[in-house]
PDB file of N, CA and C in Angstrom:
ATOM      1  N   MET A   1     116.001 -38.283 -72.824  1.00  0.00           N
ATOM      2  CA  MET A   1     116.217 -38.691 -74.197  1.00  0.00           C
ATOM      3  C   MET A   1     115.101 -39.654 -74.659  1.00  0.00           C
ATOM      4  N   ALA A   2     114.791 -40.611 -73.786  1.00  0.00           N
ATOM      5  CA  ALA A   2     113.749 -41.583 -74.130  1.00  0.00           C
ATOM      6  C   ALA A   2     112.388 -40.903 -74.224  1.00  0.00           C
ATOM      7  N   LEU A   3     112.158 -39.936 -73.378  1.00  0.00           N
ATOM      8  CA  LEU A   3     110.888 -39.207 -73.404  1.00  0.00           C
ATOM      9  C   LEU A   3     110.728 -38.433 -74.715  1.00  0.00           C
ATOM     10  N   ALA A   4     111.800 -37.838 -75.188  1.00  0.00           N
ATOM     11  CA  ALA A   4     111.762 -37.111 -76.463  1.00  0.00           C
ATOM     12  C   ALA A   4     111.479 -38.073 -77.617  1.00  0.00           C
ATOM     13  N   ALA A   5     112.057 -39.256 -77.595  1.00  0.00           N
ATOM     14  CA  ALA A   5     111.817 -40.256 -78.636  1.00  0.00           C
ATOM     15  C   ALA A   5     110.363 -40.709 -78.620  1.00  0.00           C
ATOM     16  N   VAL A   6     109.796 -40.889 -77.440  1.00  0.00           N
ATOM     17  CA  VAL A   6     108.395 -41.297 -77.322  1.00  0.00           C
ATOM     18  C   VAL A   6     107.478 -40.219 -77.899  1.00  0.00           C
ATOM     19  N   VAL A   7     107.758 -38.966 -77.617  1.00  0.00           N
ATOM     20  CA  VAL A   7     106.937 -37.870 -78.120  1.00  0.00           C
ATOM     21  C   VAL A   7     107.017 -37.797 -79.643  1.00  0.00           C
ATOM     22  N   VAL A   8     108.208 -37.934 -80.190  1.00  0.00           N
ATOM     23  CA  VAL A   8     108.382 -37.882 -81.653  1.00  0.00           C
ATOM     24  C   VAL A   8     107.644 -39.048 -82.320  1.00  0.00           C
ATOM     25  N   ILE A   9     107.798 -40.241 -81.790  1.00  0.00           N
ATOM     26  CA  ILE A   9     107.123 -41.411 -82.361  1.00  0.00           C
ATOM     27  C   ILE A   9     105.607 -41.264 -82.245  1.00  0.00           C
ATOM     28  N   TRP A  10     105.127 -40.749 -81.115  1.00  0.00           N
ATOM     29  CA  TRP A  10     103.687 -40.555 -80.930  1.00  0.00           C
ATOM     30  C   TRP A  10     103.141 -39.552 -81.936  1.00  0.00           C
ATOM     31  N   ARG A  11     103.852 -38.434 -82.151  1.00  0.00           N
ATOM     32  CA  ARG A  11     103.391 -37.427 -83.107  1.00  0.00           C
ATOM     33  C   ARG A  11     103.383 -37.968 -84.537  1.00  0.00           C
ATOM     34  N   ILE A  12     104.388 -38.727 -84.904  1.00  0.00           N
ATOM     35  CA  ILE A  12     104.416 -39.330 -86.251  1.00  0.00           C
ATOM     36  C   ILE A  12     103.253 -40.299 -86.411  1.00  0.00           C
ATOM     37  N   GLY A  13     103.005 -41.103 -85.400  1.00  0.00           N
ATOM     38  CA  GLY A  13     101.894 -42.056 -85.456  1.00  0.00           C
ATOM     39  C   GLY A  13     100.545 -41.360 -85.567  1.00  0.00           C
ATOM     40  N   MET A  14     100.348 -40.301 -84.818  1.00  0.00           N
ATOM     41  CA  MET A  14      99.083 -39.564 -84.883  1.00  0.00           C
ATOM     42  C   MET A  14      98.906 -38.895 -86.246  1.00  0.00           C
ATOM     43  N   ALA A  15      99.981 -38.376 -86.820  1.00  0.00           N
ATOM     44  CA  ALA A  15      99.901 -37.755 -88.147  1.00  0.00           C
ATOM     45  C   ALA A  15      99.524 -38.792 -89.198  1.00  0.00           C
ATOM     46  N   MET A  16     100.067 -39.993 -89.073  1.00  0.00           N
ATOM     47  CA  MET A  16      99.733 -41.064 -90.025  1.00  0.00           C
ATOM     48  C   MET A  16      98.269 -41.462 -89.886  1.00  0.00           C
ATOM     49  N   LEU A  17      97.767 -41.563 -88.668  1.00  0.00           N
ATOM     50  CA  LEU A  17      96.362 -41.922 -88.457  1.00  0.00           C
ATOM     51  C   LEU A  17      95.423 -40.843 -88.982  1.00  0.00           C
ATOM     52  N   ARG A  18      95.782 -39.565 -88.802  1.00  0.00           N
ATOM     53  CA  ARG A  18      94.959 -38.488 -89.350  1.00  0.00           C
ATOM     54  C   ARG A  18      94.917 -38.548 -90.864  1.00  0.00           C
ATOM     55  N   ALA A  19      96.032 -38.859 -91.491  1.00  0.00           N
ATOM     56  CA  ALA A  19      96.074 -38.939 -92.956  1.00  0.00           C
ATOM     57  C   ALA A  19      95.201 -40.086 -93.462  1.00  0.00           C
ATOM     58  N   LEU A  20      95.156 -41.189 -92.732  1.00  0.00           N
ATOM     59  CA  LEU A  20      94.318 -42.323 -93.133  1.00  0.00           C
ATOM     60  C   LEU A  20      92.839 -42.043 -92.912  1.00  0.00           C
ATOM     61  N   ALA A  21      92.513 -41.228 -91.940  1.00  0.00           N
ATOM     62  CA  ALA A  21      91.119 -40.955 -91.620  1.00  0.00           C
ATOM     63  C   ALA A  21      90.481 -39.979 -92.599  1.00  0.00           C
ATOM     64  N   ARG A  22      91.263 -39.207 -93.302  1.00  0.00           N
ATOM     65  CA  ARG A  22      90.730 -38.229 -94.257  1.00  0.00           C
ATOM     66  C   ARG A  22      90.234 -38.948 -95.507  1.00  0.00           C
ATOM     67  N   PRO A  23      89.001 -38.707 -95.945  1.00  0.00           N
ATOM     68  CA  PRO A  23      88.497 -39.389 -97.149  1.00  0.00           C
ATOM     69  C   PRO A  23      89.192 -38.849 -98.403  1.00  0.00           C
ATOM     70  N   ASN A  24      89.365 -39.734 -99.377  1.00  0.00           N
ATOM     71  CA  ASN A  24      89.958 -39.336-100.649  1.00  0.00           C
ATOM     72  C   ASN A  24      88.922 -38.614-101.480  1.00  0.00           C
ATOM     73  N   GLU A  25      89.284 -37.440-101.975  1.00  0.00           N
ATOM     74  CA  GLU A  25      88.384 -36.688-102.833  1.00  0.00           C
ATOM     75  C   GLU A  25      88.635 -37.090-104.282  1.00  0.00           C
ATOM     76  N   PRO A  26      87.592 -37.140-105.099  1.00  0.00           N
ATOM     77  CA  PRO A  26      87.810 -37.487-106.496  1.00  0.00           C
ATOM     78  C   PRO A  26      88.654 -36.418-107.178  1.00  0.00           C
ATOM     79  N   PRO A  27      89.480 -36.815-108.141  1.00  0.00           N
ATOM     80  CA  PRO A  27      90.314 -35.827-108.820  1.00  0.00           C
ATOM     81  C   PRO A  27      89.461 -34.853-109.618  1.00  0.00           C
ATOM     82  N   PRO A  28      89.983 -33.673-109.902  1.00  0.00           N
ATOM     83  CA  PRO A  28      89.227 -32.691-110.695  1.00  0.00           C
ATOM     84  C   PRO A  28      88.887 -33.245-112.075  1.00  0.00           C
ATOM     85  N   GLU A  29      87.828 -32.712-112.667  1.00  0.00           N
ATOM     86  CA  GLU A  29      87.372 -33.162-113.987  1.00  0.00           C
ATOM     87  C   GLU A  29      88.499 -33.002-115.010  1.00  0.00           C
ATOM     88  N   GLY A  30      88.733 -34.018-115.806  1.00  0.00           N
ATOM     89  CA  GLY A  30      89.762 -33.979-116.844  1.00  0.00           C
ATOM     90  C   GLY A  30      91.107 -34.512-116.388  1.00  0.00           C
ATOM     91  N   GLU A  31      91.316 -34.694-115.094  1.00  0.00           N
ATOM     92  CA  GLU A  31      92.580 -35.225-114.596  1.00  0.00           C
ATOM     93  C   GLU A  31      92.555 -36.746-114.689  1.00  0.00           C
ATOM     94  N   MET A  32      93.683 -37.336-114.990  1.00  0.00           N
ATOM     95  CA  MET A  32      93.753 -38.786-115.148  1.00  0.00           C
ATOM     96  C   MET A  32      93.545 -39.475-113.802  1.00  0.00           C
ATOM     97  N   ARG A  33      92.816 -40.590-113.818  1.00  0.00           N
ATOM     98  CA  ARG A  33      92.584 -41.389-112.625  1.00  0.00           C
ATOM     99  C   ARG A  33      92.856 -42.852-112.953  1.00  0.00           C
ATOM    100  N   LYS A  34      93.135 -43.632-111.923  1.00  0.00           N
ATOM    101  CA  LYS A  34      93.452 -45.048-112.131  1.00  0.00           C
ATOM    102  C   LYS A  34      92.180 -45.841-112.405  1.00  0.00           C
ATOM    103  N   VAL A  35      92.230 -46.686-113.437  1.00  0.00           N
ATOM    104  CA  VAL A  35      91.143 -47.613-113.749  1.00  0.00           C
ATOM    105  C   VAL A  35      91.774 -48.969-114.059  1.00  0.00           C
ATOM    106  N   ASN A  36      90.977 -50.007-114.052  1.00  0.00           N
ATOM    107  CA  ASN A  36      91.465 -51.345-114.396  1.00  0.00           C
ATOM    108  C   ASN A  36      90.430 -51.973-115.330  1.00  0.00           C
ATOM    109  N   LEU A  37      90.565 -51.701-116.629  1.00  0.00           N
ATOM    110  CA  LEU A  37      89.597 -52.168-117.616  1.00  0.00           C
ATOM    111  C   LEU A  37      90.298 -53.008-118.677  1.00  0.00           C
ATOM    112  N   ARG A  38      89.632 -54.060-119.132  1.00  0.00           N
ATOM    113  CA  ARG A  38      90.149 -54.879-120.242  1.00  0.00           C
ATOM    114  C   ARG A  38      89.092 -54.929-121.319  1.00  0.00           C
ATOM    115  N   TYR A  39      89.524 -54.686-122.555  1.00  0.00           N
ATOM    116  CA  TYR A  39      88.633 -54.711-123.710  1.00  0.00           C
ATOM    117  C   TYR A  39      89.133 -55.758-124.702  1.00  0.00           C
ATOM    118  N   ARG A  40      88.198 -56.356-125.448  1.00  0.00           N
ATOM    119  CA  ARG A  40      88.543 -57.338-126.488  1.00  0.00           C
ATOM    120  C   ARG A  40      87.806 -56.976-127.767  1.00  0.00           C
ATOM    121  N   CYS A  41      88.523 -57.050-128.893  1.00  0.00           N
ATOM    122  CA  CYS A  41      87.929 -56.793-130.205  1.00  0.00           C
ATOM    123  C   CYS A  41      87.105 -58.017-130.601  1.00  0.00           C
ATOM    124  N   GLY A  42      85.853 -57.795-130.989  1.00  0.00           N
ATOM    125  CA  GLY A  42      84.977 -58.894-131.383  1.00  0.00           C
ATOM    126  C   GLY A  42      85.312 -59.462-132.749  1.00  0.00           C
ATOM    127  N   VAL A  43      86.080 -58.724-133.570  1.00  0.00           N
ATOM    128  CA  VAL A  43      86.403 -59.179-134.915  1.00  0.00           C
ATOM    129  C   VAL A  43      87.676 -60.020-134.928  1.00  0.00           C
ATOM    130  N   CYS A  44      88.775 -59.468-134.378  1.00  0.00           N
ATOM    131  CA  CYS A  44      90.064 -60.168-134.475  1.00  0.00           C
ATOM    132  C   CYS A  44      90.542 -60.747-133.148  1.00  0.00           C
ATOM    133  N   GLY A  45      89.934 -60.359-132.018  1.00  0.00           N
ATOM    134  CA  GLY A  45      90.309 -60.917-130.724  1.00  0.00           C
ATOM    135  C   GLY A  45      91.438 -60.177-130.021  1.00  0.00           C
ATOM    136  N   ALA A  46      91.891 -59.049-130.554  1.00  0.00           N
ATOM    137  CA  ALA A  46      92.941 -58.275-129.891  1.00  0.00           C
ATOM    138  C   ALA A  46      92.421 -57.753-128.561  1.00  0.00           C
ATOM    139  N   GLU A  47      93.295 -57.714-127.544  1.00  0.00           N
ATOM    140  CA  GLU A  47      92.908 -57.242-126.222  1.00  0.00           C
ATOM    141  C   GLU A  47      93.694 -55.991-125.847  1.00  0.00           C
ATOM    142  N   VAL A  48      93.034 -55.118-125.073  1.00  0.00           N
ATOM    143  CA  VAL A  48      93.634 -53.876-124.605  1.00  0.00           C
ATOM    144  C   VAL A  48      93.363 -53.760-123.113  1.00  0.00           C
ATOM    145  N   ARG A  49      94.386 -53.377-122.355  1.00  0.00           N
ATOM    146  CA  ARG A  49      94.194 -53.124-120.925  1.00  0.00           C
ATOM    147  C   ARG A  49      94.383 -51.628-120.692  1.00  0.00           C
ATOM    148  N   MET A  50      93.374 -50.989-120.103  1.00  0.00           N
ATOM    149  CA  MET A  50      93.414 -49.552-119.833  1.00  0.00           C
ATOM    150  C   MET A  50      93.668 -49.361-118.339  1.00  0.00           C
ATOM    151  N   THR A  51      94.712 -48.593-118.003  1.00  0.00           N
ATOM    152  CA  THR A  51      95.059 -48.389-116.604  1.00  0.00           C
ATOM    153  C   THR A  51      94.818 -46.962-116.136  1.00  0.00           C
ATOM    154  N   GLN A  52      94.700 -45.992-117.057  1.00  0.00           N
ATOM    155  CA  GLN A  52      94.403 -44.620-116.689  1.00  0.00           C
ATOM    156  C   GLN A  52      93.396 -44.043-117.663  1.00  0.00           C
ATOM    157  N   ALA A  53      92.477 -43.245-117.137  1.00  0.00           N
ATOM    158  CA  ALA A  53      91.470 -42.605-117.982  1.00  0.00           C
ATOM    159  C   ALA A  53      91.016 -41.315-117.317  1.00  0.00           C
ATOM    160  N   ALA A  54      90.391 -40.455-118.091  1.00  0.00           N
ATOM    161  CA  ALA A  54      89.906 -39.178-117.562  1.00  0.00           C
ATOM    162  C   ALA A  54      88.603 -39.350-116.786  1.00  0.00           C
ATOM    163  N   GLU A  55      87.884 -40.475-116.969  1.00  0.00           N
ATOM    164  CA  GLU A  55      86.634 -40.743-116.258  1.00  0.00           C
ATOM    165  C   GLU A  55      86.694 -42.148-115.683  1.00  0.00           C
ATOM    166  N   ASP A  56      85.748 -42.465-114.777  1.00  0.00           N
ATOM    167  CA  ASP A  56      85.741 -43.790-114.154  1.00  0.00           C
ATOM    168  C   ASP A  56      85.419 -44.890-115.159  1.00  0.00           C
ATOM    169  N   LEU A  57      84.479 -44.651-116.053  1.00  0.00           N
ATOM    170  CA  LEU A  57      84.117 -45.636-117.070  1.00  0.00           C
ATOM    171  C   LEU A  57      84.109 -44.938-118.437  1.00  0.00           C
ATOM    172  N   PRO A  58      85.286 -44.860-119.084  1.00  0.00           N
ATOM    173  CA  PRO A  58      85.383 -44.145-120.361  1.00  0.00           C
ATOM    174  C   PRO A  58      84.715 -44.933-121.479  1.00  0.00           C
ATOM    175  N   PRO A  59      84.420 -44.285-122.615  1.00  0.00           N
ATOM    176  CA  PRO A  59      83.870 -45.016-123.759  1.00  0.00           C
ATOM    177  C   PRO A  59      84.888 -46.035-124.272  1.00  0.00           C
ATOM    178  N   SER A  60      84.390 -47.129-124.823  1.00  0.00           N
ATOM    179  CA  SER A  60      85.292 -48.195-125.259  1.00  0.00           C
ATOM    180  C   SER A  60      86.102 -47.763-126.479  1.00  0.00           C
ATOM    181  N   PRO A  61      87.355 -48.236-126.565  1.00  0.00           N
ATOM    182  CA  PRO A  61      88.178 -47.914-127.728  1.00  0.00           C
ATOM    183  C   PRO A  61      87.669 -48.647-128.967  1.00  0.00           C
ATOM    184  N   ARG A  62      88.146 -48.216-130.134  1.00  0.00           N
ATOM    185  CA  ARG A  62      87.728 -48.845-131.397  1.00  0.00           C
ATOM    186  C   ARG A  62      88.893 -49.628-131.983  1.00  0.00           C
ATOM    187  N   HIS A  63      88.579 -50.779-132.579  1.00  0.00           N
ATOM    188  CA  HIS A  63      89.566 -51.612-133.258  1.00  0.00           C
ATOM    189  C   HIS A  63      88.839 -52.327-134.381  1.00  0.00           C
ATOM    190  N   CYS A  64      89.450 -52.472-135.524  1.00  0.00           N
ATOM    191  CA  CYS A  64      88.815 -53.082-136.701  1.00  0.00           C
ATOM    192  C   CYS A  64      87.526 -52.337-137.064  1.00  0.00           C
ATOM    193  N   GLN A  65      87.528 -51.026-136.865  1.00  0.00           N
ATOM    194  CA  GLN A  65      86.403 -50.140-137.180  1.00  0.00           C
ATOM    195  C   GLN A  65      85.152 -50.408-136.337  1.00  0.00           C
ATOM    196  N   GLU A  66      85.279 -51.131-135.209  1.00  0.00           N
ATOM    197  CA  GLU A  66      84.140 -51.406-134.330  1.00  0.00           C
ATOM    198  C   GLU A  66      84.538 -51.162-132.878  1.00  0.00           C
ATOM    199  N   ASP A  67      83.545 -50.864-132.033  1.00  0.00           N
ATOM    200  CA  ASP A  67      83.820 -50.691-130.608  1.00  0.00           C
ATOM    201  C   ASP A  67      84.247 -52.025-130.010  1.00  0.00           C
ATOM    202  N   MET A  68      85.211 -51.963-129.080  1.00  0.00           N
ATOM    203  CA  MET A  68      85.665 -53.180-128.411  1.00  0.00           C
ATOM    204  C   MET A  68      84.706 -53.523-127.276  1.00  0.00           C
ATOM    205  N   ASP A  69      84.671 -54.806-126.888  1.00  0.00           N
ATOM    206  CA  ASP A  69      83.795 -55.289-125.833  1.00  0.00           C
ATOM    207  C   ASP A  69      84.526 -55.252-124.483  1.00  0.00           C
ATOM    208  N   LEU A  70      83.837 -54.784-123.444  1.00  0.00           N
ATOM    209  CA  LEU A  70      84.419 -54.762-122.092  1.00  0.00           C
ATOM    210  C   LEU A  70      84.433 -56.190-121.566  1.00  0.00           C
ATOM    211  N   VAL A  71      85.637 -56.694-121.208  1.00  0.00           N
ATOM    212  CA  VAL A  71      85.760 -58.074-120.756  1.00  0.00           C
ATOM    213  C   VAL A  71      85.844 -58.126-119.226  1.00  0.00           C
ATOM    214  N   ALA A  72      86.624 -57.253-118.617  1.00  0.00           N
ATOM    215  CA  ALA A  72      86.778 -57.234-117.158  1.00  0.00           C
ATOM    216  C   ALA A  72      86.138 -55.975-116.609  1.00  0.00           C
ATOM    217  N   SER A  73      85.218 -56.153-115.704  1.00  0.00           N
ATOM    218  CA  SER A  73      84.517 -55.026-115.093  1.00  0.00           C
ATOM    219  C   SER A  73      85.469 -54.240-114.213  1.00  0.00           C
ATOM    220  N   PRO A  74      85.300 -52.929-114.099  1.00  0.00           N
ATOM    221  CA  PRO A  74      86.165 -52.140-113.216  1.00  0.00           C
ATOM    222  C   PRO A  74      85.935 -52.460-111.750  1.00  0.00           C
ATOM    223  N   TYR A  75      84.878 -53.183-111.424  1.00  0.00           N
ATOM    224  CA  TYR A  75      84.563 -53.492-110.041  1.00  0.00           C
ATOM    225  C   TYR A  75      84.958 -54.905-109.649  1.00  0.00           C
ATOM    226  N   ASP A  76      85.641 -55.643-110.551  1.00  0.00           N
ATOM    227  CA  ASP A  76      86.107 -57.009-110.241  1.00  0.00           C
ATOM    228  C   ASP A  76      87.409 -56.972-109.466  1.00  0.00           C
TER     229      ASP A  76
END
């Protein structure tokens, strides 16, 4: 019984290690991906936090008829 438990635990552990060793592939073009961007309007000071986008660094949103300024870099 103990031997069977050891084998099951060992196989689960090896499967978890294999899953961690596989590199993450970028999602297909057009699919949403996680980002962490903060933008601020230069006119009124409104802030926007973007958490998902179709690209790694999407174009900035517009507010008060002007492009917003990137405040937090995606690499911070």
